[in-house]
Amino acid sequence: MLPPFDFFEHRRACQRKQLERSTRIVNLPPEYRSPVSPQDREILGTPIEELVQKVQKQLVKPIDILRSYGKVAIKAHERTNCLTEVMLPEAEQWATTDVNLKGPLAGIPISLKDSIAVRGFDVSVGYSCNTGKPYAQDGTLILGAVPYVKTNLPVSLLSFESTNDVWGRCTNPHNPKYSPGGSTGGEGALLAFGGGRIGIGSDVAGSVRAPAHFSGIYSLRCSTGRWPKMGMNTSMPGQEGIPSVFSPMTRTLPDLVYFSKSILSMKAWNYDHSVHPIPWRTDEEQDAKEKKRLRIGVLRTDGVVDPSPACARALEQVVSALRSEGHDVVDVQPPSPYEALKIASALLNSDGCKMFRSFYRTGEWDDPGAAQMRFYMRIPRPIKYLYYLWVKYIRQDGIWAGLLEDFHEKSAFQQWKLVNKREAYKAKWHAWWQEEAKLDFMLTPPNATPSLPHGAMRDAVSSCGYTFLFNLLDYSCGILPVTHVDRALDRLPATTFWFRDLNGVAKGAYKHYDADRMHGLPVAVQVVGQRLQEERVLAFMQRVEAALEKHGGKYELLEIQ
């Protein structure tokens, strides 16, 4: 149906999908509505590796694991609206008839970002035009586990929030007034609440890392070609300037290591052409675990938005713990992260924001951050140039002006030039890391602030440099929660912080920073390795968490209710 008449089709599709979800929940067997039992808590508290062993020894049944996590997933949904497709009835059949009891994920329930295909279910990606079109087969990301729920995400997939008309708004389990992150925010909320232990999301600018930071879980951003990706839908098909990657998210670090190792050992390149034939490399893992004195670089700021007191404190807590272990921890100044932000922003939106907008129907809710990008993209070039001059020379804000300068639709010729800039920048970073810094790994804040309130992406959409940088570089990165916002420790300094002196990007982020209101929200750090170093990054994350546990205290997960 053509606009504007597709508005009515849009409303009917949203109502139909929400009714379908609520009906599925109401009609679940009574096991999913009963209180969490001692047997459930034993299952919920058991690491994935041990659960697999118990399944293979027939000490526990996959159906029991599914029901334990399913009932908590429903509770998580009631609290946060984190679920889209509820597949528990089908999962019960899969858990009893289709599960590979000899595989490394035998009978383990796995949650999936809504953009991942499961046979018999829609892959809406939050757009109503994608509903009523169930997929005929599973995506390659299922990999022998039992998919039981799919999780919420933002329409457009270009946000650190997770809201759309089809499924509604997902909230943070620590504070419902705040975002769980995006674009894989439903996974963040579900895993943080305890409604799952392992899940899969995608990341093009920080979309598995921001939810881990905002919600208090663990994630690994894999390099392209390391994790399967076939069998999914997206808001930007064909966009390869900054490739999206699918990657794991988990409730605990041991589960992240085991899950990643299991998938990378499955030789996914035999059935997914996008995967490099690189199995799990035990020698890389052992080298990272056994090296006595590590050289660790600390990126204190990206030069665009300095980290907030809460994020700076979490980073310093990790630095102090690692120094106490005798490691060589040094502040570093790599090639300009701001340059990466300019290149990556121009590449990601080089189509003029047309592709992700092409799926909207009349009246469909728009993510405030994506709407801002489209607004700036549509300003006529002569007017935008005048605005650029005013920002740069009158407001004297070179950072914001530099982002505006090239934010317009690109021709193929301009796109090629940007790709050339990207590759030159990646070469510059590689040379700096190998020849000058000579690092084992790097520590950075995952974001300038902890989670932001709903709607804040209208102002903070460009404040993504700490994650977006490593999408451009295609580096392996992990997120590890460290602490929580403390209203007494994390206030902005009254005598040295001046909002009026911030650049336009920083103002958008700090407009919403309030340690009192954010009290109790999670705060993480980002552990960065070079490209295709997933084994090393996971081993370094283990060493970081061990150091924290010994010297500063390990992060406390939300207790399962």
Protein backbone atom coordinates (compact mmCIF):
# COMPACT_ATOMS: atom_id res chain seq x y z
CA MET A 1 0.00 0.00 0.00
CA LEU A 2 1.35 3.43 -0.94
CA PRO A 3 1.86 6.38 1.44
CA PRO A 4 -0.02 7.87 3.21
CA PHE A 5 -2.52 5.00 3.22
CA ASP A 6 0.11 2.58 4.55
CA PHE A 7 -0.32 4.30 7.93
CA PHE A 8 -3.35 2.11 8.64
CA GLU A 9 -1.47 -1.00 7.55
CA HIS A 10 1.36 0.02 9.90
CA ARG A 11 -0.98 0.36 12.89
CA ARG A 12 -2.66 -2.98 12.15
CA ALA A 13 0.71 -4.74 11.85
CA CYS A 14 1.93 -3.36 15.20
CA GLN A 15 -1.29 -4.31 16.96
CA ARG A 16 -1.21 -7.78 15.41
CA LYS A 17 2.38 -8.50 16.49
CA GLN A 18 1.86 -7.22 20.04
CA LEU A 19 -1.33 -9.25 20.38
CA GLU A 20 0.48 -12.29 19.02
CA ARG A 21 3.26 -11.86 21.60
CA SER A 22 0.91 -11.34 24.55
CA THR A 23 -1.26 -14.30 23.48
CA ARG A 24 1.78 -16.55 23.27
CA ILE A 25 2.83 -15.52 26.78
CA VAL A 26 -0.65 -16.02 28.25
CA ASN A 27 -0.94 -19.47 26.66
CA LEU A 28 2.40 -20.76 27.93
CA PRO A 29 2.33 -23.92 30.07
CA PRO A 30 1.97 -23.29 33.83
CA GLU A 31 5.65 -24.15 34.37
CA TYR A 32 6.56 -20.74 32.95
CA ARG A 33 4.34 -18.85 35.39
CA SER A 34 5.38 -20.64 38.59
CA PRO A 35 7.85 -19.09 41.07
CA VAL A 36 11.56 -19.72 40.64
CA SER A 37 12.25 -22.96 42.52
CA PRO A 38 15.46 -24.15 44.23
CA GLN A 39 15.98 -26.50 41.26
CA ASP A 40 15.63 -23.53 38.90
CA ARG A 41 18.15 -21.52 40.90
CA GLU A 42 20.65 -24.37 40.74
CA ILE A 43 20.31 -24.45 36.95
CA LEU A 44 20.39 -20.65 36.65
CA GLY A 45 23.55 -20.49 38.75
CA THR A 46 25.45 -23.14 36.78
CA PRO A 47 27.94 -22.01 34.10
CA ILE A 48 27.14 -23.08 30.53
CA GLU A 49 30.13 -25.43 30.30
CA GLU A 50 28.95 -27.36 33.37
CA LEU A 51 25.35 -27.45 32.12
CA VAL A 52 26.51 -28.98 28.84
CA GLN A 53 28.42 -31.65 30.75
CA LYS A 54 25.37 -32.41 32.87
CA VAL A 55 23.18 -32.70 29.77
CA GLN A 56 25.66 -35.05 28.12
CA LYS A 57 25.83 -37.17 31.29
CA GLN A 58 22.01 -37.15 31.45
CA LEU A 59 22.07 -35.49 34.87
CA VAL A 60 19.77 -32.72 33.65
CA LYS A 61 17.38 -32.51 30.71
CA PRO A 62 17.46 -29.70 28.13
CA ILE A 63 13.74 -29.15 28.71
CA ASP A 64 14.40 -28.37 32.39
CA ILE A 65 17.09 -25.84 31.48
CA LEU A 66 14.73 -24.25 28.96
CA ARG A 67 11.89 -23.93 31.46
CA SER A 68 14.14 -22.46 34.15
CA TYR A 69 15.42 -19.74 31.84
CA GLY A 70 12.06 -19.33 30.13
CA LYS A 71 10.23 -18.40 33.31
CA VAL A 72 12.88 -15.79 34.20
CA ALA A 73 12.82 -14.48 30.62
CA ILE A 74 9.07 -13.85 30.98
CA LYS A 75 9.69 -12.01 34.26
CA ALA A 76 12.41 -9.97 32.56
CA HIS A 77 9.98 -9.09 29.79
CA GLU A 78 7.33 -7.99 32.27
CA ARG A 79 9.90 -5.65 33.84
CA THR A 80 11.71 -4.36 30.72
CA ASN A 81 9.74 -5.26 27.54
CA CYS A 82 12.87 -7.00 26.25
CA LEU A 83 11.27 -9.78 24.16
CA THR A 84 9.93 -9.71 20.61
CA GLU A 85 9.24 -13.24 19.36
CA VAL A 86 8.42 -15.68 22.18
CA MET A 87 9.37 -19.11 20.81
CA LEU A 88 9.09 -21.22 23.97
CA PRO A 89 6.47 -23.73 22.69
CA GLU A 90 8.59 -24.45 19.61
CA ALA A 91 11.74 -24.47 21.75
CA GLU A 92 10.25 -27.24 23.90
CA GLN A 93 9.93 -29.39 20.80
CA TRP A 94 13.43 -28.50 19.60
CA ALA A 95 14.87 -29.26 23.05
CA THR A 96 13.37 -32.74 23.06
CA THR A 97 13.75 -33.82 19.41
CA ASP A 98 16.28 -31.66 17.56
CA VAL A 99 19.04 -31.03 20.09
CA ASN A 100 22.54 -32.41 19.41
CA LEU A 101 23.46 -33.86 22.79
CA LYS A 102 27.07 -34.38 21.70
CA GLY A 103 27.66 -30.78 20.64
CA PRO A 104 29.38 -28.09 22.74
CA LEU A 105 26.07 -26.24 23.20
CA ALA A 106 23.94 -29.33 23.82
CA GLY A 107 20.48 -28.24 24.91
CA ILE A 108 21.49 -24.75 26.02
CA PRO A 109 18.84 -22.04 25.45
CA ILE A 110 20.10 -19.11 23.39
CA SER A 111 18.46 -15.72 22.95
CA LEU A 112 18.80 -13.87 19.66
CA LYS A 113 18.59 -10.28 18.54
CA ASP A 114 15.36 -9.80 16.59
CA SER A 115 17.32 -9.38 13.35
CA ILE A 116 18.39 -13.07 13.34
CA ALA A 117 16.33 -15.61 11.39
CA VAL A 118 14.54 -18.53 13.04
CA ARG A 119 12.36 -20.69 10.85
CA GLY A 120 8.67 -19.98 11.22
CA PHE A 121 9.13 -16.49 12.68
CA ASP A 122 9.33 -12.95 11.33
CA VAL A 123 12.56 -10.97 11.27
CA SER A 124 10.98 -7.55 11.70
CA VAL A 125 14.03 -5.49 12.79
CA GLY A 126 11.42 -3.23 14.37
CA TYR A 127 9.81 -2.27 11.03
CA SER A 128 6.13 -3.08 10.52
CA CYS A 129 6.72 -3.73 6.79
CA ASN A 130 8.76 -6.82 7.73
CA THR A 131 5.98 -8.46 9.75
CA GLY A 132 3.84 -11.30 8.48
CA LYS A 133 6.77 -12.74 6.54
CA PRO A 134 8.06 -15.74 8.53
CA TYR A 135 11.41 -17.15 7.42
CA ALA A 136 11.53 -20.64 5.94
CA GLN A 137 14.80 -21.69 7.56
CA ASP A 138 17.16 -20.92 10.42
CA GLY A 139 20.12 -18.63 10.03
CA THR A 140 23.61 -20.04 10.40
CA LEU A 141 23.90 -18.34 13.80
CA ILE A 142 21.70 -20.91 15.59
CA LEU A 143 24.61 -23.40 15.69
CA GLY A 144 23.11 -26.27 17.64
CA ALA A 145 21.72 -24.36 20.62
CA VAL A 146 17.98 -23.98 21.37
CA PRO A 147 16.62 -20.54 20.43
CA TYR A 148 13.79 -19.64 22.82
CA VAL A 149 13.26 -15.88 22.52
CA LYS A 150 14.20 -13.00 20.26
CA THR A 151 14.95 -9.61 21.73
CA ASN A 152 14.13 -5.95 21.23
CA LEU A 153 16.09 -3.40 19.23
CA PRO A 154 15.69 0.12 17.80
CA VAL A 155 14.06 0.81 14.49
CA SER A 156 16.94 1.72 12.11
CA LEU A 157 19.46 -0.21 14.28
CA LEU A 158 21.39 3.07 14.59
CA SER A 159 20.89 3.91 18.24
CA PHE A 160 22.04 3.19 21.77
CA GLU A 161 18.34 2.92 22.68
CA SER A 162 15.93 0.07 21.79
CA THR A 163 12.48 1.32 20.84
CA ASN A 164 10.16 0.75 17.88
CA ASP A 165 6.45 0.81 17.09
CA VAL A 166 6.18 -2.92 16.48
CA TRP A 167 7.41 -4.06 19.89
CA GLY A 168 7.54 -0.93 22.07
CA ARG A 169 10.27 0.45 24.30
CA CYS A 170 12.82 -1.72 26.09
CA THR A 171 14.00 -0.40 29.47
CA ASN A 172 17.06 -0.91 31.63
CA PRO A 173 16.58 -3.55 34.36
CA HIS A 174 18.57 -1.37 36.78
CA ASN A 175 16.40 1.72 36.23
CA PRO A 176 13.34 1.79 33.94
CA LYS A 177 13.88 5.47 33.12
CA TYR A 178 17.12 4.60 31.31
CA SER A 179 18.04 2.76 28.13
CA PRO A 180 19.45 -0.79 28.19
CA GLY A 181 21.62 0.24 25.24
CA GLY A 182 21.31 -0.46 21.55
CA SER A 183 21.01 -1.67 19.07
CA THR A 184 21.10 -5.04 20.88
CA GLY A 185 19.39 -3.57 23.94
CA GLY A 186 16.87 -6.36 24.46
CA GLU A 187 19.73 -8.83 24.87
CA GLY A 188 21.38 -6.53 27.40
CA ALA A 189 18.20 -6.27 29.47
CA LEU A 190 17.39 -10.00 29.30
CA LEU A 191 20.87 -11.21 30.23
CA ALA A 192 21.34 -8.62 32.98
CA PHE A 193 18.00 -9.62 34.53
CA GLY A 194 19.02 -13.29 34.45
CA GLY A 195 16.56 -14.50 31.80
CA GLY A 196 19.40 -16.04 29.81
CA ARG A 197 23.11 -16.80 29.94
CA ILE A 198 24.13 -16.57 26.27
CA GLY A 199 22.85 -14.54 23.35
CA ILE A 200 23.87 -13.14 19.97
CA GLY A 201 23.75 -9.55 18.78
CA SER A 202 25.23 -7.46 16.00
CA ASP A 203 27.58 -4.48 16.11
CA VAL A 204 28.18 -1.70 13.56
CA ALA A 205 29.07 1.17 15.89
CA GLY A 206 28.99 -0.41 19.34
CA SER A 207 25.73 -2.35 19.30
CA VAL A 208 26.84 -5.31 21.45
CA ARG A 209 29.21 -3.17 23.52
CA ALA A 210 26.95 -0.26 24.52
CA PRO A 211 24.25 -2.66 25.84
CA ALA A 212 26.87 -4.57 27.84
CA HIS A 213 28.12 -1.27 29.34
CA PHE A 214 24.62 0.15 29.92
CA SER A 215 23.09 -3.06 31.33
CA GLY A 216 26.01 -4.69 33.14
CA ILE A 217 26.85 -7.83 31.14
CA TYR A 218 29.76 -9.12 29.03
CA SER A 219 30.22 -8.99 25.27
CA LEU A 220 32.84 -9.56 22.59
CA ARG A 221 32.95 -7.57 19.36
CA CYS A 222 34.46 -10.04 16.88
CA SER A 223 36.39 -8.98 13.80
CA THR A 224 34.64 -9.46 10.46
CA GLY A 225 34.69 -13.04 9.25
CA ARG A 226 35.20 -14.61 12.66
CA TRP A 227 31.53 -15.14 13.59
CA PRO A 228 28.76 -16.46 11.29
CA LYS A 229 26.35 -13.87 9.91
CA MET A 230 24.18 -15.49 7.22
CA GLY A 231 20.45 -15.74 7.84
CA MET A 232 19.55 -12.32 9.17
CA ASN A 233 17.80 -9.09 8.24
CA THR A 234 19.08 -5.55 8.64
CA SER A 235 18.12 -1.91 8.21
CA MET A 236 21.04 -1.21 5.85
CA PRO A 237 21.50 -4.12 3.41
CA GLY A 238 24.52 -3.55 1.18
CA GLN A 239 26.26 -1.18 3.59
CA GLU A 240 29.89 -2.32 3.69
CA GLY A 241 31.76 0.90 4.48
CA ILE A 242 31.65 -0.10 8.16
CA PRO A 243 30.62 -3.78 8.10
CA SER A 244 28.26 -5.07 10.75
CA VAL A 245 29.42 -8.14 12.67
CA PHE A 246 27.47 -10.64 14.76
CA SER A 247 28.99 -11.37 18.13
CA PRO A 248 28.31 -13.05 21.50
CA MET A 249 26.82 -11.53 24.65
CA THR A 250 26.65 -13.32 28.00
CA ARG A 251 25.77 -12.83 31.65
CA THR A 252 29.21 -13.93 32.91
CA LEU A 253 32.78 -13.94 31.62
CA PRO A 254 33.30 -17.74 31.84
CA ASP A 255 30.21 -18.15 29.67
CA LEU A 256 31.54 -15.62 27.15
CA VAL A 257 34.79 -17.57 26.87
CA TYR A 258 33.10 -20.97 26.57
CA PHE A 259 30.44 -19.75 24.13
CA SER A 260 32.98 -18.03 21.90
CA LYS A 261 35.33 -21.01 21.97
CA SER A 262 32.47 -23.38 21.10
CA ILE A 263 31.31 -21.37 18.09
CA LEU A 264 34.80 -20.70 16.75
CA SER A 265 35.56 -24.43 17.01
CA MET A 266 32.55 -25.47 14.91
CA LYS A 267 34.17 -24.75 11.52
CA ALA A 268 31.32 -22.47 10.51
CA TRP A 269 33.09 -21.69 7.23
CA ASN A 270 31.78 -25.04 5.96
CA TYR A 271 28.23 -23.66 5.84
CA ASP A 272 28.70 -19.86 5.90
CA HIS A 273 30.83 -18.36 3.14
CA SER A 274 31.43 -15.16 5.16
CA VAL A 275 33.47 -16.95 7.86
CA HIS A 276 37.26 -17.12 7.73
CA PRO A 277 38.67 -20.67 8.14
CA ILE A 278 40.30 -19.81 11.46
CA PRO A 279 39.47 -22.29 14.25
CA TRP A 280 39.94 -21.52 17.92
CA ARG A 281 43.68 -20.99 18.49
CA THR A 282 44.66 -22.45 21.85
CA ASP A 283 48.25 -21.26 21.46
CA GLU A 284 47.11 -17.61 21.23
CA GLU A 285 44.90 -18.07 24.29
CA GLN A 286 47.68 -19.68 26.33
CA ASP A 287 50.24 -17.06 25.36
CA ALA A 288 47.93 -14.29 26.57
CA LYS A 289 47.21 -16.17 29.79
CA GLU A 290 50.79 -17.07 30.62
CA LYS A 291 52.78 -13.94 29.74
CA LYS A 292 53.91 -12.66 33.13
CA ARG A 293 54.29 -8.93 32.51
CA LEU A 294 51.84 -7.36 30.09
CA ARG A 295 52.21 -4.00 28.37
CA ILE A 296 48.82 -2.31 28.50
CA GLY A 297 47.89 0.98 26.87
CA VAL A 298 45.24 3.25 28.40
CA LEU A 299 43.23 5.57 26.17
CA ARG A 300 41.95 8.12 28.69
CA THR A 301 39.99 10.17 26.17
CA ASP A 302 39.11 10.07 22.48
CA GLY A 303 39.66 13.82 22.24
CA VAL A 304 35.99 14.38 21.42
CA VAL A 305 34.10 13.62 24.64
CA ASP A 306 36.10 13.14 27.82
CA PRO A 307 34.75 10.28 29.93
CA SER A 308 32.36 11.20 32.72
CA PRO A 309 33.54 10.83 36.35
CA ALA A 310 31.82 7.42 36.62
CA CYS A 311 33.51 6.04 33.49
CA ALA A 312 36.88 7.55 34.37
CA ARG A 313 36.65 6.01 37.85
CA ALA A 314 35.91 2.55 36.45
CA LEU A 315 38.87 2.83 34.08
CA GLU A 316 41.18 3.92 36.89
CA GLN A 317 39.97 1.07 39.09
CA VAL A 318 41.10 -1.40 36.43
CA VAL A 319 44.40 0.41 35.87
CA SER A 320 45.15 0.33 39.60
CA ALA A 321 44.35 -3.39 39.86
CA LEU A 322 46.59 -4.25 36.90
CA ARG A 323 49.47 -2.15 38.22
CA SER A 324 49.14 -3.94 41.54
CA GLU A 325 49.70 -7.16 39.61
CA GLY A 326 52.99 -5.79 38.29
CA HIS A 327 51.96 -5.07 34.70
CA ASP A 328 53.32 -2.18 32.66
CA VAL A 329 50.32 0.15 32.27
CA VAL A 330 50.92 3.31 30.24
CA ASP A 331 48.77 6.14 28.91
CA VAL A 332 48.81 6.24 25.11
CA GLN A 333 48.10 8.75 22.36
CA PRO A 334 47.24 6.76 19.22
CA PRO A 335 46.39 8.24 15.81
CA SER A 336 43.47 10.64 16.17
CA PRO A 337 40.22 8.90 17.20
CA TYR A 338 38.41 12.01 15.99
CA GLU A 339 39.65 11.35 12.47
CA ALA A 340 38.16 7.86 12.71
CA LEU A 341 34.82 9.28 13.87
CA LYS A 342 34.68 11.58 10.84
CA ILE A 343 35.57 8.82 8.36
CA ALA A 344 33.26 6.24 9.93
CA SER A 345 30.29 8.61 10.18
CA ALA A 346 30.63 9.58 6.54
CA LEU A 347 30.97 5.96 5.41
CA LEU A 348 28.07 4.58 7.43
CA ASN A 349 25.69 7.22 6.12
CA SER A 350 27.11 7.66 2.64
CA ASP A 351 23.74 6.79 1.08
CA GLY A 352 22.21 9.92 2.59
CA CYS A 353 20.32 7.85 5.21
CA LYS A 354 18.10 6.56 2.39
CA MET A 355 18.36 2.82 2.97
CA PHE A 356 17.22 2.62 6.60
CA ARG A 357 14.52 5.21 5.85
CA SER A 358 13.22 3.16 2.91
CA PHE A 359 11.58 0.64 5.25
CA TYR A 360 9.50 3.19 7.19
CA ARG A 361 5.77 3.43 6.69
CA THR A 362 3.78 6.61 7.10
CA GLY A 363 3.51 7.60 10.75
CA GLU A 364 6.10 5.05 11.93
CA TRP A 365 7.95 6.18 15.04
CA ASP A 366 11.51 7.31 14.37
CA ASP A 367 14.44 6.88 16.71
CA PRO A 368 15.43 10.39 17.87
CA GLY A 369 19.10 9.81 17.06
CA ALA A 370 18.39 8.50 13.57
CA ALA A 371 15.98 11.40 13.05
CA GLN A 372 18.74 13.85 13.91
CA MET A 373 21.09 12.26 11.41
CA ARG A 374 18.45 12.47 8.72
CA PHE A 375 17.72 16.11 9.63
CA TYR A 376 21.35 17.15 9.16
CA MET A 377 21.63 15.02 6.04
CA ARG A 378 18.66 16.80 4.40
CA ILE A 379 19.80 20.38 5.04
CA PRO A 380 20.60 21.87 1.61
CA ARG A 381 24.35 21.96 1.02
CA PRO A 382 24.66 25.79 0.74
CA ILE A 383 22.76 26.30 4.03
CA LYS A 384 24.73 23.52 5.71
CA TYR A 385 27.96 25.18 4.60
CA LEU A 386 26.90 28.48 6.16
CA TYR A 387 26.01 26.63 9.36
CA TYR A 388 29.40 24.88 9.26
CA LEU A 389 31.17 28.27 9.00
CA TRP A 390 29.13 29.66 11.88
CA VAL A 391 29.89 26.62 14.10
CA LYS A 392 33.60 26.63 13.26
CA TYR A 393 34.42 30.36 13.31
CA ILE A 394 31.74 32.01 15.43
CA ARG A 395 31.11 29.28 17.99
CA GLN A 396 34.72 28.11 17.55
CA ASP A 397 33.68 24.48 17.75
CA GLY A 398 35.99 22.69 15.33
CA ILE A 399 34.92 19.22 16.49
CA TRP A 400 31.23 19.60 15.67
CA ALA A 401 32.00 21.61 12.53
CA GLY A 402 34.30 18.86 11.23
CA LEU A 403 31.54 16.26 11.51
CA LEU A 404 29.03 18.51 9.77
CA GLU A 405 31.38 19.38 6.93
CA ASP A 406 31.25 15.98 5.21
CA PHE A 407 27.83 14.78 6.41
CA HIS A 408 26.05 14.53 3.06
CA GLU A 409 25.16 11.88 0.51
CA LYS A 410 28.20 10.55 -1.36
CA SER A 411 28.71 9.65 -4.99
CA ALA A 412 30.47 6.39 -5.86
CA PHE A 413 33.60 8.43 -6.53
CA GLN A 414 33.42 10.06 -3.08
CA GLN A 415 32.69 6.70 -1.44
CA TRP A 416 35.81 5.18 -2.98
CA LYS A 417 37.90 8.07 -1.68
CA LEU A 418 36.49 7.51 1.81
CA VAL A 419 37.32 3.80 1.67
CA ASN A 420 40.86 4.77 0.68
CA LYS A 421 41.03 7.09 3.72
CA ARG A 422 39.72 4.28 5.91
CA GLU A 423 42.42 1.86 4.76
CA ALA A 424 45.17 4.47 5.19
CA TYR A 425 43.93 5.18 8.71
CA LYS A 426 43.90 1.46 9.57
CA ALA A 427 47.48 1.15 8.31
CA LYS A 428 48.50 4.11 10.47
CA TRP A 429 47.00 2.49 13.57
CA HIS A 430 48.61 -0.86 12.82
CA ALA A 431 52.04 0.73 12.49
CA TRP A 432 51.55 2.73 15.69
CA TRP A 433 50.50 -0.35 17.68
CA GLN A 434 53.23 -2.64 16.35
CA GLU A 435 56.19 -0.29 16.08
CA GLU A 436 55.64 2.47 18.62
CA ALA A 437 53.23 1.42 21.38
CA LYS A 438 54.05 -2.32 21.27
CA LEU A 439 51.00 -3.21 23.34
CA ASP A 440 49.51 -6.49 24.42
CA PHE A 441 46.12 -4.84 24.71
CA MET A 442 44.44 -1.50 25.31
CA LEU A 443 41.92 -0.25 27.86
CA THR A 444 39.34 2.43 27.04
CA PRO A 445 35.98 3.61 28.37
CA PRO A 446 33.17 1.97 26.36
CA ASN A 447 31.32 5.29 26.22
CA ALA A 448 31.68 8.78 27.66
CA THR A 449 28.74 8.18 30.01
CA PRO A 450 26.83 5.30 31.55
CA SER A 451 23.33 4.58 30.26
CA LEU A 452 21.31 7.58 29.14
CA PRO A 453 17.59 8.31 29.69
CA HIS A 454 15.08 7.44 27.01
CA GLY A 455 15.08 9.92 24.16
CA ALA A 456 18.59 11.17 24.92
CA MET A 457 19.98 9.92 21.62
CA ARG A 458 18.51 13.01 20.00
CA ASP A 459 21.38 14.88 21.65
CA ALA A 460 23.97 12.11 22.10
CA VAL A 461 23.78 10.32 18.75
CA SER A 462 27.32 11.38 17.78
CA SER A 463 28.82 10.38 21.14
CA CYS A 464 29.86 6.89 20.10
CA GLY A 465 33.55 7.36 19.32
CA TYR A 466 34.94 4.93 21.91
CA THR A 467 33.19 2.02 20.20
CA PHE A 468 32.84 3.27 16.60
CA LEU A 469 36.64 3.68 16.36
CA PHE A 470 37.17 -0.07 16.61
CA ASN A 471 34.45 -0.88 14.08
CA LEU A 472 36.41 1.16 11.57
CA LEU A 473 39.65 -0.57 12.58
CA ASP A 474 37.87 -3.97 12.75
CA TYR A 475 39.60 -4.74 16.06
CA SER A 476 38.49 -7.41 18.52
CA CYS A 477 37.04 -5.79 21.66
CA GLY A 478 35.43 -7.01 24.86
CA ILE A 479 33.24 -5.28 27.44
CA LEU A 480 33.68 -6.10 31.10
CA PRO A 481 31.46 -4.51 33.80
CA VAL A 482 33.44 -3.02 36.69
CA THR A 483 31.29 -0.98 39.06
CA HIS A 484 28.11 1.09 39.44
CA VAL A 485 27.50 4.82 39.38
CA ASP A 486 27.90 6.31 42.85
CA ARG A 487 26.14 9.62 43.49
CA ALA A 488 28.80 10.64 46.00
CA LEU A 489 31.88 9.69 43.95
CA ASP A 490 30.75 10.50 40.42
CA ARG A 491 29.40 14.04 40.53
CA LEU A 492 30.70 16.53 38.01
CA PRO A 493 33.33 18.79 39.63
CA ALA A 494 31.63 22.10 40.37
CA THR A 495 34.78 24.20 40.03
CA THR A 496 36.40 22.70 36.92
CA PHE A 497 33.55 21.49 34.71
CA TRP A 498 31.94 24.10 32.47
CA PHE A 499 29.20 22.89 30.16
CA ARG A 500 29.39 26.00 27.97
CA ASP A 501 33.01 25.20 27.06
CA LEU A 502 32.21 21.75 25.62
CA ASN A 503 32.08 21.00 21.91
CA GLY A 504 28.74 20.10 20.32
CA VAL A 505 29.23 16.34 20.59
CA ALA A 506 30.22 16.51 24.26
CA LYS A 507 27.30 18.79 25.09
CA GLY A 508 24.93 16.19 23.69
CA ALA A 509 26.37 13.54 26.00
CA TYR A 510 26.79 15.63 29.15
CA LYS A 511 23.35 17.20 28.84
CA HIS A 512 22.03 13.99 30.37
CA TYR A 513 24.77 13.10 32.85
CA ASP A 514 23.45 13.23 36.42
CA ALA A 515 25.16 11.08 39.05
CA ASP A 516 22.16 11.33 41.41
CA ARG A 517 19.68 10.05 38.86
CA MET A 518 22.17 7.51 37.45
CA HIS A 519 23.05 6.09 40.87
CA GLY A 520 23.33 2.29 40.63
CA LEU A 521 23.67 2.05 36.86
CA PRO A 522 26.47 -0.25 35.60
CA VAL A 523 29.83 1.06 34.38
CA ALA A 524 32.25 -1.03 32.30
CA VAL A 525 35.61 -0.89 30.56
CA GLN A 526 36.56 -1.92 27.03
CA VAL A 527 39.43 -4.36 26.44
CA VAL A 528 40.87 -3.94 22.94
CA GLY A 529 43.10 -6.20 20.90
CA GLN A 530 44.07 -6.02 17.26
CA ARG A 531 42.17 -7.56 14.37
CA LEU A 532 41.21 -11.25 14.67
CA GLN A 533 42.56 -11.51 18.23
CA GLU A 534 39.41 -12.86 19.88
CA GLU A 535 41.28 -15.57 21.83
CA ARG A 536 43.74 -13.05 23.23
CA VAL A 537 41.08 -10.47 24.12
CA LEU A 538 39.06 -13.06 26.04
CA ALA A 539 42.18 -14.20 27.92
CA PHE A 540 43.06 -10.59 28.75
CA MET A 541 39.51 -10.01 30.00
CA GLN A 542 39.96 -12.96 32.34
CA ARG A 543 43.19 -11.47 33.67
CA VAL A 544 41.53 -8.09 34.17
CA GLU A 545 38.64 -9.59 36.09
CA ALA A 546 40.99 -11.72 38.19
CA ALA A 547 42.98 -8.59 39.07
CA LEU A 548 39.80 -6.72 40.00
CA GLU A 549 38.62 -9.58 42.18
CA LYS A 550 41.96 -9.64 43.96
CA HIS A 551 42.46 -5.89 44.38
CA GLY A 552 39.25 -3.97 43.85
CA GLY A 553 36.22 -6.19 43.91
CA LYS A 554 34.48 -8.04 41.09
CA TYR A 555 31.33 -6.58 39.55
CA GLU A 556 28.11 -7.75 41.22
CA LEU A 557 25.44 -8.95 38.82
CA LEU A 558 21.75 -8.25 39.35
CA GLU A 559 20.30 -10.94 41.57
CA ILE A 560 17.78 -13.19 39.82
CA GLN A 561 14.36 -12.57 41.30
